[in-house]
Amino acid sequence: MEGTYISADGTVFPCCWLGNHPWSREYKEFHGDKIESLNVLVHELTTIIQSKEFLKVEDSWEAQPFAGCRHFCSGPIPQTTDGMDGTNEVVRLSVEAAANEYKRQSEK
């Protein structure tokens, strides 16, 4: 997952779009009581991104796509008033970069 995003509370999202309000709340409700299984403060990043729970969003694409995915990826990326128009590469992390950053921070 090239665009994986890790929020400040450690929750791993499939992309930066879902990691921002209001979609982060929707994502957490989508996963319910299993949301802790998607937290890098509790589990290894590689374990999370390979987990059935993490892949649940992608699995939803065939039948009933997760609302955030449908909103952002079913057509052109919407322009927003908060500057999050998909051009800000700073908020995008590759899985490897996120894992390296997490390891670096935990070694401090």
PDB file of N, CA and C in Angstrom:
ATOM      1  N   MET A   1       0.848  -1.178   0.000  1.00  0.00           N
ATOM      2  CA  MET A   1       0.000   0.000   0.000  1.00  0.00           C
ATOM      3  C   MET A   1       0.892   1.240   0.000  1.00  0.00           C
ATOM      4  N   GLU A   2       1.033   1.821  -1.128  1.00  0.00           N
ATOM      5  CA  GLU A   2       1.941   2.943  -1.284  1.00  0.00           C
ATOM      6  C   GLU A   2       1.510   4.175  -0.498  1.00  0.00           C
ATOM      7  N   GLY A   3       0.225   4.428  -0.375  1.00  0.00           N
ATOM      8  CA  GLY A   3      -0.238   5.643   0.267  1.00  0.00           C
ATOM      9  C   GLY A   3      -0.652   5.463   1.709  1.00  0.00           C
ATOM     10  N   THR A   4      -0.173   4.427   2.374  1.00  0.00           N
ATOM     11  CA  THR A   4      -0.568   4.186   3.757  1.00  0.00           C
ATOM     12  C   THR A   4      -0.265   5.403   4.620  1.00  0.00           C
ATOM     13  N   TYR A   5      -1.175   5.690   5.525  1.00  0.00           N
ATOM     14  CA  TYR A   5      -1.074   6.866   6.394  1.00  0.00           C
ATOM     15  C   TYR A   5      -1.206   6.420   7.850  1.00  0.00           C
ATOM     16  N   ILE A   6      -0.340   6.934   8.712  1.00  0.00           N
ATOM     17  CA  ILE A   6      -0.408   6.625  10.137  1.00  0.00           C
ATOM     18  C   ILE A   6      -0.730   7.925  10.870  1.00  0.00           C
ATOM     19  N   SER A   7      -1.825   7.896  11.620  1.00  0.00           N
ATOM     20  CA  SER A   7      -2.234   9.100  12.345  1.00  0.00           C
ATOM     21  C   SER A   7      -1.419   9.251  13.636  1.00  0.00           C
ATOM     22  N   ALA A   8      -1.544  10.385  14.265  1.00  0.00           N
ATOM     23  CA  ALA A   8      -0.804  10.666  15.498  1.00  0.00           C
ATOM     24  C   ALA A   8      -1.137   9.683  16.608  1.00  0.00           C
ATOM     25  N   ASP A   9      -2.352   9.122  16.598  1.00  0.00           N
ATOM     26  CA  ASP A   9      -2.717   8.158  17.650  1.00  0.00           C
ATOM     27  C   ASP A   9      -2.281   6.735  17.308  1.00  0.00           C
ATOM     28  N   GLY A  10      -1.601   6.550  16.155  1.00  0.00           N
ATOM     29  CA  GLY A  10      -1.074   5.250  15.773  1.00  0.00           C
ATOM     30  C   GLY A  10      -1.957   4.436  14.851  1.00  0.00           C
ATOM     31  N   THR A  11      -3.154   4.932  14.543  1.00  0.00           N
ATOM     32  CA  THR A  11      -4.054   4.203  13.658  1.00  0.00           C
ATOM     33  C   THR A  11      -3.500   4.213  12.236  1.00  0.00           C
ATOM     34  N   VAL A  12      -3.512   3.048  11.602  1.00  0.00           N
ATOM     35  CA  VAL A  12      -3.018   2.908  10.231  1.00  0.00           C
ATOM     36  C   VAL A  12      -4.212   2.953   9.280  1.00  0.00           C
ATOM     37  N   PHE A  13      -4.135   3.853   8.315  1.00  0.00           N
ATOM     38  CA  PHE A  13      -5.177   4.040   7.308  1.00  0.00           C
ATOM     39  C   PHE A  13      -4.616   3.647   5.943  1.00  0.00           C
ATOM     40  N   PRO A  14      -5.450   3.179   5.030  1.00  0.00           N
ATOM     41  CA  PRO A  14      -4.966   2.818   3.695  1.00  0.00           C
ATOM     42  C   PRO A  14      -4.508   4.014   2.863  1.00  0.00           C
ATOM     43  N   CYS A  15      -4.949   5.220   3.237  1.00  0.00           N
ATOM     44  CA  CYS A  15      -4.517   6.417   2.528  1.00  0.00           C
ATOM     45  C   CYS A  15      -4.698   7.633   3.428  1.00  0.00           C
ATOM     46  N   CYS A  16      -4.106   8.738   3.037  1.00  0.00           N
ATOM     47  CA  CYS A  16      -4.198   9.956   3.847  1.00  0.00           C
ATOM     48  C   CYS A  16      -5.607  10.538   3.841  1.00  0.00           C
ATOM     49  N   TRP A  17      -6.373  10.284   2.783  1.00  0.00           N
ATOM     50  CA  TRP A  17      -7.731  10.806   2.725  1.00  0.00           C
ATOM     51  C   TRP A  17      -8.573  10.265   3.867  1.00  0.00           C
ATOM     52  N   LEU A  18      -8.457   8.969   4.114  1.00  0.00           N
ATOM     53  CA  LEU A  18      -9.276   8.353   5.161  1.00  0.00           C
ATOM     54  C   LEU A  18      -8.782   8.704   6.553  1.00  0.00           C
ATOM     55  N   GLY A  19      -7.556   9.195   6.668  1.00  0.00           N
ATOM     56  CA  GLY A  19      -6.995   9.560   7.959  1.00  0.00           C
ATOM     57  C   GLY A  19      -7.360  10.952   8.426  1.00  0.00           C
ATOM     58  N   ASN A  20      -8.147  11.654   7.655  1.00  0.00           N
ATOM     59  CA  ASN A  20      -8.542  13.020   8.004  1.00  0.00           C
ATOM     60  C   ASN A  20     -10.029  13.095   8.294  1.00  0.00           C
ATOM     61  N   HIS A  21     -10.390  14.054   9.134  1.00  0.00           N
ATOM     62  CA  HIS A  21     -11.782  14.259   9.522  1.00  0.00           C
ATOM     63  C   HIS A  21     -12.608  14.618   8.284  1.00  0.00           C
ATOM     64  N   PRO A  22     -13.798  14.118   8.127  1.00  0.00           N
ATOM     65  CA  PRO A  22     -14.573  13.239   9.008  1.00  0.00           C
ATOM     66  C   PRO A  22     -14.359  11.755   8.730  1.00  0.00           C
ATOM     67  N   TRP A  23     -13.520  11.452   7.731  1.00  0.00           N
ATOM     68  CA  TRP A  23     -13.373  10.061   7.311  1.00  0.00           C
ATOM     69  C   TRP A  23     -12.674   9.197   8.343  1.00  0.00           C
ATOM     70  N   SER A  24     -11.796   9.768   9.161  1.00  0.00           N
ATOM     71  CA  SER A  24     -11.132   8.963  10.192  1.00  0.00           C
ATOM     72  C   SER A  24     -12.159   8.405  11.171  1.00  0.00           C
ATOM     73  N   ARG A  25     -13.145   9.196  11.512  1.00  0.00           N
ATOM     74  CA  ARG A  25     -14.212   8.730  12.411  1.00  0.00           C
ATOM     75  C   ARG A  25     -15.015   7.613  11.742  1.00  0.00           C
ATOM     76  N   GLU A  26     -15.344   7.791  10.464  1.00  0.00           N
ATOM     77  CA  GLU A  26     -16.086   6.784   9.713  1.00  0.00           C
ATOM     78  C   GLU A  26     -15.283   5.478   9.623  1.00  0.00           C
ATOM     79  N   TYR A  27     -13.984   5.612   9.388  1.00  0.00           N
ATOM     80  CA  TYR A  27     -13.094   4.450   9.287  1.00  0.00           C
ATOM     81  C   TYR A  27     -13.078   3.679  10.613  1.00  0.00           C
ATOM     82  N   LYS A  28     -12.977   4.409  11.703  1.00  0.00           N
ATOM     83  CA  LYS A  28     -12.952   3.764  13.018  1.00  0.00           C
ATOM     84  C   LYS A  28     -14.292   3.093  13.326  1.00  0.00           C
ATOM     85  N   GLU A  29     -15.379   3.708  12.938  1.00  0.00           N
ATOM     86  CA  GLU A  29     -16.698   3.093  13.133  1.00  0.00           C
ATOM     87  C   GLU A  29     -16.857   1.867  12.231  1.00  0.00           C
ATOM     88  N   PHE A  30     -16.312   1.924  11.027  1.00  0.00           N
ATOM     89  CA  PHE A  30     -16.356   0.811  10.076  1.00  0.00           C
ATOM     90  C   PHE A  30     -15.693  -0.433  10.668  1.00  0.00           C
ATOM     91  N   HIS A  31     -14.593  -0.219  11.389  1.00  0.00           N
ATOM     92  CA  HIS A  31     -13.849  -1.333  11.986  1.00  0.00           C
ATOM     93  C   HIS A  31     -14.342  -1.687  13.394  1.00  0.00           C
ATOM     94  N   GLY A  32     -15.111  -0.806  13.998  1.00  0.00           N
ATOM     95  CA  GLY A  32     -15.692  -1.092  15.305  1.00  0.00           C
ATOM     96  C   GLY A  32     -14.670  -1.447  16.364  1.00  0.00           C
ATOM     97  N   ASP A  33     -14.963  -2.493  17.147  1.00  0.00           N
ATOM     98  CA  ASP A  33     -14.088  -2.856  18.262  1.00  0.00           C
ATOM     99  C   ASP A  33     -12.770  -3.489  17.804  1.00  0.00           C
ATOM    100  N   LYS A  34     -12.594  -3.686  16.505  1.00  0.00           N
ATOM    101  CA  LYS A  34     -11.341  -4.242  15.983  1.00  0.00           C
ATOM    102  C   LYS A  34     -10.356  -3.157  15.566  1.00  0.00           C
ATOM    103  N   ILE A  35     -10.700  -1.896  15.778  1.00  0.00           N
ATOM    104  CA  ILE A  35      -9.836  -0.791  15.358  1.00  0.00           C
ATOM    105  C   ILE A  35      -8.466  -0.857  16.031  1.00  0.00           C
ATOM    106  N   GLU A  36      -8.394  -1.374  17.237  1.00  0.00           N
ATOM    107  CA  GLU A  36      -7.094  -1.475  17.922  1.00  0.00           C
ATOM    108  C   GLU A  36      -6.127  -2.390  17.175  1.00  0.00           C
ATOM    109  N   SER A  37      -6.664  -3.327  16.392  1.00  0.00           N
ATOM    110  CA  SER A  37      -5.806  -4.226  15.618  1.00  0.00           C
ATOM    111  C   SER A  37      -5.098  -3.484  14.485  1.00  0.00           C
ATOM    112  N   LEU A  38      -5.482  -2.225  14.249  1.00  0.00           N
ATOM    113  CA  LEU A  38      -4.890  -1.407  13.185  1.00  0.00           C
ATOM    114  C   LEU A  38      -4.032  -0.281  13.756  1.00  0.00           C
ATOM    115  N   ASN A  39      -3.469  -0.494  14.932  1.00  0.00           N
ATOM    116  CA  ASN A  39      -2.698   0.547  15.610  1.00  0.00           C
ATOM    117  C   ASN A  39      -1.242   0.114  15.752  1.00  0.00           C
ATOM    118  N   VAL A  40      -0.316   0.942  15.225  1.00  0.00           N
ATOM    119  CA  VAL A  40       1.118   0.604  15.273  1.00  0.00           C
ATOM    120  C   VAL A  40       1.701   0.707  16.676  1.00  0.00           C
ATOM    121  N   LEU A  41       0.977   1.287  17.599  1.00  0.00           N
ATOM    122  CA  LEU A  41       1.457   1.319  18.977  1.00  0.00           C
ATOM    123  C   LEU A  41       1.177  -0.013  19.671  1.00  0.00           C
ATOM    124  N   VAL A  42       0.361  -0.841  19.026  1.00  0.00           N
ATOM    125  CA  VAL A  42      -0.026  -2.136  19.581  1.00  0.00           C
ATOM    126  C   VAL A  42       0.537  -3.290  18.749  1.00  0.00           C
ATOM    127  N   HIS A  43       0.562  -3.128  17.414  1.00  0.00           N
ATOM    128  CA  HIS A  43       0.973  -4.196  16.497  1.00  0.00           C
ATOM    129  C   HIS A  43       2.013  -3.687  15.510  1.00  0.00           C
ATOM    130  N   GLU A  44       2.809  -4.598  14.959  1.00  0.00           N
ATOM    131  CA  GLU A  44       3.789  -4.259  13.930  1.00  0.00           C
ATOM    132  C   GLU A  44       3.074  -3.795  12.659  1.00  0.00           C
ATOM    133  N   LEU A  45       3.654  -2.820  11.971  1.00  0.00           N
ATOM    134  CA  LEU A  45       3.051  -2.283  10.752  1.00  0.00           C
ATOM    135  C   LEU A  45       2.862  -3.368   9.691  1.00  0.00           C
ATOM    136  N   THR A  46       3.866  -4.218   9.507  1.00  0.00           N
ATOM    137  CA  THR A  46       3.735  -5.259   8.487  1.00  0.00           C
ATOM    138  C   THR A  46       2.601  -6.229   8.821  1.00  0.00           C
ATOM    139  N   THR A  47       2.399  -6.498  10.088  1.00  0.00           N
ATOM    140  CA  THR A  47       1.289  -7.364  10.508  1.00  0.00           C
ATOM    141  C   THR A  47      -0.041  -6.694  10.199  1.00  0.00           C
ATOM    142  N   ILE A  48      -0.119  -5.400  10.449  1.00  0.00           N
ATOM    143  CA  ILE A  48      -1.359  -4.650  10.217  1.00  0.00           C
ATOM    144  C   ILE A  48      -1.726  -4.643   8.743  1.00  0.00           C
ATOM    145  N   ILE A  49      -0.791  -4.268   7.884  1.00  0.00           N
ATOM    146  CA  ILE A  49      -1.135  -4.108   6.466  1.00  0.00           C
ATOM    147  C   ILE A  49      -1.423  -5.431   5.765  1.00  0.00           C
ATOM    148  N   GLN A  50      -1.055  -6.532   6.391  1.00  0.00           N
ATOM    149  CA  GLN A  50      -1.362  -7.843   5.825  1.00  0.00           C
ATOM    150  C   GLN A  50      -2.595  -8.474   6.470  1.00  0.00           C
ATOM    151  N   SER A  51      -3.166  -7.781   7.444  1.00  0.00           N
ATOM    152  CA  SER A  51      -4.285  -8.351   8.195  1.00  0.00           C
ATOM    153  C   SER A  51      -5.606  -8.278   7.427  1.00  0.00           C
ATOM    154  N   LYS A  52      -6.479  -9.207   7.752  1.00  0.00           N
ATOM    155  CA  LYS A  52      -7.817  -9.241   7.151  1.00  0.00           C
ATOM    156  C   LYS A  52      -8.576  -7.958   7.484  1.00  0.00           C
ATOM    157  N   GLU A  53      -8.404  -7.456   8.705  1.00  0.00           N
ATOM    158  CA  GLU A  53      -9.109  -6.236   9.121  1.00  0.00           C
ATOM    159  C   GLU A  53      -8.667  -5.030   8.299  1.00  0.00           C
ATOM    160  N   PHE A  54      -7.367  -4.889   8.035  1.00  0.00           N
ATOM    161  CA  PHE A  54      -6.870  -3.769   7.240  1.00  0.00           C
ATOM    162  C   PHE A  54      -7.386  -3.865   5.805  1.00  0.00           C
ATOM    163  N   LEU A  55      -7.429  -5.075   5.272  1.00  0.00           N
ATOM    164  CA  LEU A  55      -7.868  -5.286   3.888  1.00  0.00           C
ATOM    165  C   LEU A  55      -9.382  -5.196   3.731  1.00  0.00           C
ATOM    166  N   LYS A  56     -10.094  -5.059   4.840  1.00  0.00           N
ATOM    167  CA  LYS A  56     -11.547  -4.970   4.816  1.00  0.00           C
ATOM    168  C   LYS A  56     -12.042  -3.807   3.943  1.00  0.00           C
ATOM    169  N   VAL A  57     -11.347  -2.691   3.974  1.00  0.00           N
ATOM    170  CA  VAL A  57     -11.736  -1.538   3.151  1.00  0.00           C
ATOM    171  C   VAL A  57     -11.609  -1.893   1.672  1.00  0.00           C
ATOM    172  N   GLU A  58     -10.469  -2.442   1.294  1.00  0.00           N
ATOM    173  CA  GLU A  58     -10.268  -2.821  -0.107  1.00  0.00           C
ATOM    174  C   GLU A  58     -11.272  -3.895  -0.532  1.00  0.00           C
ATOM    175  N   ASP A  59     -11.541  -4.833   0.346  1.00  0.00           N
ATOM    176  CA  ASP A  59     -12.515  -5.883   0.041  1.00  0.00           C
ATOM    177  C   ASP A  59     -13.918  -5.321  -0.182  1.00  0.00           C
ATOM    178  N   SER A  60     -14.195  -4.161   0.386  1.00  0.00           N
ATOM    179  CA  SER A  60     -15.522  -3.547   0.243  1.00  0.00           C
ATOM    180  C   SER A  60     -15.753  -2.976  -1.153  1.00  0.00           C
ATOM    181  N   TRP A  61     -14.700  -2.788  -1.922  1.00  0.00           N
ATOM    182  CA  TRP A  61     -14.815  -2.123  -3.219  1.00  0.00           C
ATOM    183  C   TRP A  61     -15.724  -2.858  -4.195  1.00  0.00           C
ATOM    184  N   GLU A  62     -15.745  -4.161  -4.133  1.00  0.00           N
ATOM    185  CA  GLU A  62     -16.537  -4.932  -5.088  1.00  0.00           C
ATOM    186  C   GLU A  62     -18.043  -4.775  -4.881  1.00  0.00           C
ATOM    187  N   ALA A  63     -18.493  -4.876  -3.648  1.00  0.00           N
ATOM    188  CA  ALA A  63     -19.937  -4.864  -3.371  1.00  0.00           C
ATOM    189  C   ALA A  63     -20.433  -3.473  -2.991  1.00  0.00           C
ATOM    190  N   GLN A  64     -20.004  -3.006  -1.842  1.00  0.00           N
ATOM    191  CA  GLN A  64     -20.423  -1.697  -1.347  1.00  0.00           C
ATOM    192  C   GLN A  64     -19.191  -0.967  -0.828  1.00  0.00           C
ATOM    193  N   PRO A  65     -18.562  -0.160  -1.671  1.00  0.00           N
ATOM    194  CA  PRO A  65     -17.323   0.510  -1.274  1.00  0.00           C
ATOM    195  C   PRO A  65     -17.492   1.376  -0.022  1.00  0.00           C
ATOM    196  N   PHE A  66     -16.444   1.359   0.809  1.00  0.00           N
ATOM    197  CA  PHE A  66     -16.401   2.225   1.972  1.00  0.00           C
ATOM    198  C   PHE A  66     -16.672   3.656   1.483  1.00  0.00           C
ATOM    199  N   ALA A  67     -17.454   4.396   2.231  1.00  0.00           N
ATOM    200  CA  ALA A  67     -17.906   5.731   1.800  1.00  0.00           C
ATOM    201  C   ALA A  67     -16.756   6.666   1.439  1.00  0.00           C
ATOM    202  N   GLY A  68     -15.692   6.667   2.219  1.00  0.00           N
ATOM    203  CA  GLY A  68     -14.549   7.537   1.934  1.00  0.00           C
ATOM    204  C   GLY A  68     -13.882   7.185   0.617  1.00  0.00           C
ATOM    205  N   CYS A  69     -13.758   5.900   0.329  1.00  0.00           N
ATOM    206  CA  CYS A  69     -13.171   5.452  -0.947  1.00  0.00           C
ATOM    207  C   CYS A  69     -14.051   5.898  -2.110  1.00  0.00           C
ATOM    208  N   ARG A  70     -15.338   5.714  -1.941  1.00  0.00           N
ATOM    209  CA  ARG A  70     -16.290   6.112  -2.980  1.00  0.00           C
ATOM    210  C   ARG A  70     -16.215   7.622  -3.206  1.00  0.00           C
ATOM    211  N   HIS A  71     -16.110   8.384  -2.119  1.00  0.00           N
ATOM    212  CA  HIS A  71     -16.071   9.841  -2.206  1.00  0.00           C
ATOM    213  C   HIS A  71     -14.820  10.336  -2.937  1.00  0.00           C
ATOM    214  N   PHE A  72     -13.659   9.793  -2.561  1.00  0.00           N
ATOM    215  CA  PHE A  72     -12.409  10.320  -3.104  1.00  0.00           C
ATOM    216  C   PHE A  72     -11.918   9.641  -4.378  1.00  0.00           C
ATOM    217  N   CYS A  73     -12.262   8.386  -4.575  1.00  0.00           N
ATOM    218  CA  CYS A  73     -11.632   7.637  -5.670  1.00  0.00           C
ATOM    219  C   CYS A  73     -12.583   7.133  -6.751  1.00  0.00           C
ATOM    220  N   SER A  74     -13.819   7.511  -6.707  1.00  0.00           N
ATOM    221  CA  SER A  74     -14.730   7.045  -7.748  1.00  0.00           C
ATOM    222  C   SER A  74     -14.761   7.985  -8.944  1.00  0.00           C
ATOM    223  N   GLY A  75     -13.974   9.013  -8.895  1.00  0.00           N
ATOM    224  CA  GLY A  75     -13.914   9.980  -9.987  1.00  0.00           C
ATOM    225  C   GLY A  75     -12.732  10.896  -9.749  1.00  0.00           C
ATOM    226  N   PRO A  76     -12.733  12.066 -10.341  1.00  0.00           N
ATOM    227  CA  PRO A  76     -11.641  13.006 -10.114  1.00  0.00           C
ATOM    228  C   PRO A  76     -11.532  13.359  -8.628  1.00  0.00           C
ATOM    229  N   ILE A  77     -10.319  13.558  -8.153  1.00  0.00           N
ATOM    230  CA  ILE A  77     -10.126  13.927  -6.756  1.00  0.00           C
ATOM    231  C   ILE A  77     -10.769  15.285  -6.525  1.00  0.00           C
ATOM    232  N   PRO A  78     -11.669  15.357  -5.536  1.00  0.00           N
ATOM    233  CA  PRO A  78     -12.370  16.617  -5.300  1.00  0.00           C
ATOM    234  C   PRO A  78     -11.445  17.697  -4.749  1.00  0.00           C
ATOM    235  N   GLN A  79     -11.714  18.912  -5.152  1.00  0.00           N
ATOM    236  CA  GLN A  79     -10.987  20.046  -4.598  1.00  0.00           C
ATOM    237  C   GLN A  79     -11.668  20.441  -3.293  1.00  0.00           C
ATOM    238  N   THR A  80     -10.885  20.706  -2.279  1.00  0.00           N
ATOM    239  CA  THR A  80     -11.456  21.080  -0.994  1.00  0.00           C
ATOM    240  C   THR A  80     -10.946  22.448  -0.589  1.00  0.00           C
ATOM    241  N   THR A  81     -11.573  23.019   0.402  1.00  0.00           N
ATOM    242  CA  THR A  81     -11.181  24.344   0.858  1.00  0.00           C
ATOM    243  C   THR A  81     -10.029  24.291   1.840  1.00  0.00           C
ATOM    244  N   ASP A  82      -9.619  23.079   2.275  1.00  0.00           N
ATOM    245  CA  ASP A  82      -8.546  22.990   3.269  1.00  0.00           C
ATOM    246  C   ASP A  82      -7.184  22.704   2.644  1.00  0.00           C
ATOM    247  N   GLY A  83      -7.071  22.785   1.326  1.00  0.00           N
ATOM    248  CA  GLY A  83      -5.794  22.568   0.660  1.00  0.00           C
ATOM    249  C   GLY A  83      -5.471  21.104   0.425  1.00  0.00           C
ATOM    250  N   MET A  84      -6.326  20.190   0.830  1.00  0.00           N
ATOM    251  CA  MET A  84      -6.079  18.766   0.648  1.00  0.00           C
ATOM    252  C   MET A  84      -6.618  18.345  -0.718  1.00  0.00           C
ATOM    253  N   ASP A  85      -5.937  18.725  -1.764  1.00  0.00           N
ATOM    254  CA  ASP A  85      -6.429  18.432  -3.108  1.00  0.00           C
ATOM    255  C   ASP A  85      -5.673  17.297  -3.780  1.00  0.00           C
ATOM    256  N   GLY A  86      -4.930  16.519  -2.994  1.00  0.00           N
ATOM    257  CA  GLY A  86      -4.208  15.389  -3.551  1.00  0.00           C
ATOM    258  C   GLY A  86      -2.828  15.731  -4.062  1.00  0.00           C
ATOM    259  N   THR A  87      -2.432  17.003  -3.991  1.00  0.00           N
ATOM    260  CA  THR A  87      -1.118  17.398  -4.483  1.00  0.00           C
ATOM    261  C   THR A  87      -0.100  17.519  -3.364  1.00  0.00           C
ATOM    262  N   ASN A  88      -0.522  17.398  -2.127  1.00  0.00           N
ATOM    263  CA  ASN A  88       0.380  17.545  -0.998  1.00  0.00           C
ATOM    264  C   ASN A  88       1.034  16.205  -0.685  1.00  0.00           C
ATOM    265  N   GLU A  89       2.174  15.944  -1.295  1.00  0.00           N
ATOM    266  CA  GLU A  89       2.852  14.661  -1.117  1.00  0.00           C
ATOM    267  C   GLU A  89       3.428  14.499   0.280  1.00  0.00           C
ATOM    268  N   VAL A  90       3.543  15.585   1.042  1.00  0.00           N
ATOM    269  CA  VAL A  90       4.069  15.496   2.398  1.00  0.00           C
ATOM    270  C   VAL A  90       3.213  14.584   3.264  1.00  0.00           C
ATOM    271  N   VAL A  91       1.921  14.568   3.048  1.00  0.00           N
ATOM    272  CA  VAL A  91       1.041  13.749   3.887  1.00  0.00           C
ATOM    273  C   VAL A  91       0.971  12.301   3.443  1.00  0.00           C
ATOM    274  N   ARG A  92       1.590  11.978   2.330  1.00  0.00           N
ATOM    275  CA  ARG A  92       1.569  10.598   1.842  1.00  0.00           C
ATOM    276  C   ARG A  92       2.851   9.897   2.278  1.00  0.00           C
ATOM    277  N   LEU A  93       2.698   8.714   2.839  1.00  0.00           N
ATOM    278  CA  LEU A  93       3.853   7.922   3.233  1.00  0.00           C
ATOM    279  C   LEU A  93       3.766   6.553   2.586  1.00  0.00           C
ATOM    280  N   SER A  94       4.866   6.086   2.077  1.00  0.00           N
ATOM    281  CA  SER A  94       4.865   4.703   1.600  1.00  0.00           C
ATOM    282  C   SER A  94       4.934   3.811   2.830  1.00  0.00           C
ATOM    283  N   VAL A  95       4.591   2.578   2.687  1.00  0.00           N
ATOM    284  CA  VAL A  95       4.631   1.644   3.805  1.00  0.00           C
ATOM    285  C   VAL A  95       6.046   1.564   4.361  1.00  0.00           C
ATOM    286  N   GLU A  96       7.029   1.508   3.488  1.00  0.00           N
ATOM    287  CA  GLU A  96       8.410   1.415   3.947  1.00  0.00           C
ATOM    288  C   GLU A  96       8.825   2.665   4.708  1.00  0.00           C
ATOM    289  N   ALA A  97       8.483   3.827   4.209  1.00  0.00           N
ATOM    290  CA  ALA A  97       8.845   5.069   4.891  1.00  0.00           C
ATOM    291  C   ALA A  97       8.151   5.164   6.236  1.00  0.00           C
ATOM    292  N   ALA A  98       6.896   4.756   6.298  1.00  0.00           N
ATOM    293  CA  ALA A  98       6.157   4.788   7.556  1.00  0.00           C
ATOM    294  C   ALA A  98       6.768   3.826   8.560  1.00  0.00           C
ATOM    295  N   ALA A  99       7.121   2.637   8.106  1.00  0.00           N
ATOM    296  CA  ALA A  99       7.730   1.644   9.000  1.00  0.00           C
ATOM    297  C   ALA A  99       9.081   2.135   9.507  1.00  0.00           C
ATOM    298  N   ASN A 100       9.880   2.712   8.617  1.00  0.00           N
ATOM    299  CA  ASN A 100      11.185   3.239   9.029  1.00  0.00           C
ATOM    300  C   ASN A 100      11.041   4.374  10.025  1.00  0.00           C
ATOM    301  N   GLU A 101      10.101   5.255   9.792  1.00  0.00           N
ATOM    302  CA  GLU A 101       9.873   6.372  10.711  1.00  0.00           C
ATOM    303  C   GLU A 101       9.406   5.866  12.068  1.00  0.00           C
ATOM    304  N   TYR A 102       8.519   4.893  12.068  1.00  0.00           N
ATOM    305  CA  TYR A 102       8.035   4.314  13.322  1.00  0.00           C
ATOM    306  C   TYR A 102       9.187   3.688  14.101  1.00  0.00           C
ATOM    307  N   LYS A 103      10.036   2.936  13.415  1.00  0.00           N
ATOM    308  CA  LYS A 103      11.191   2.311  14.078  1.00  0.00           C
ATOM    309  C   LYS A 103      12.139   3.369  14.632  1.00  0.00           C
ATOM    310  N   ARG A 104      12.384   4.414  13.835  1.00  0.00           N
ATOM    311  CA  ARG A 104      13.275   5.491  14.277  1.00  0.00           C
ATOM    312  C   ARG A 104      12.736   6.169  15.519  1.00  0.00           C
ATOM    313  N   GLN A 105      11.434   6.450  15.534  1.00  0.00           N
ATOM    314  CA  GLN A 105      10.815   7.112  16.684  1.00  0.00           C
ATOM    315  C   GLN A 105      10.818   6.217  17.920  1.00  0.00           C
ATOM    316  N   SER A 106      10.599   4.929  17.727  1.00  0.00           N
ATOM    317  CA  SER A 106      10.531   4.032  18.889  1.00  0.00           C
ATOM    318  C   SER A 106      11.902   3.752  19.471  1.00  0.00           C
ATOM    319  N   GLU A 107      12.959   4.029  18.723  1.00  0.00           N
ATOM    320  CA  GLU A 107      14.319   3.834  19.227  1.00  0.00           C
ATOM    321  C   GLU A 107      14.795   5.005  20.078  1.00  0.00           C
ATOM    322  N   LYS A 108      14.075   6.100  20.072  1.00  0.00           N
ATOM    323  CA  LYS A 108      14.473   7.293  20.848  1.00  0.00           C
ATOM    324  C   LYS A 108      14.252   7.075  22.322  1.00  0.00           C
TER     325      LYS A 108
END
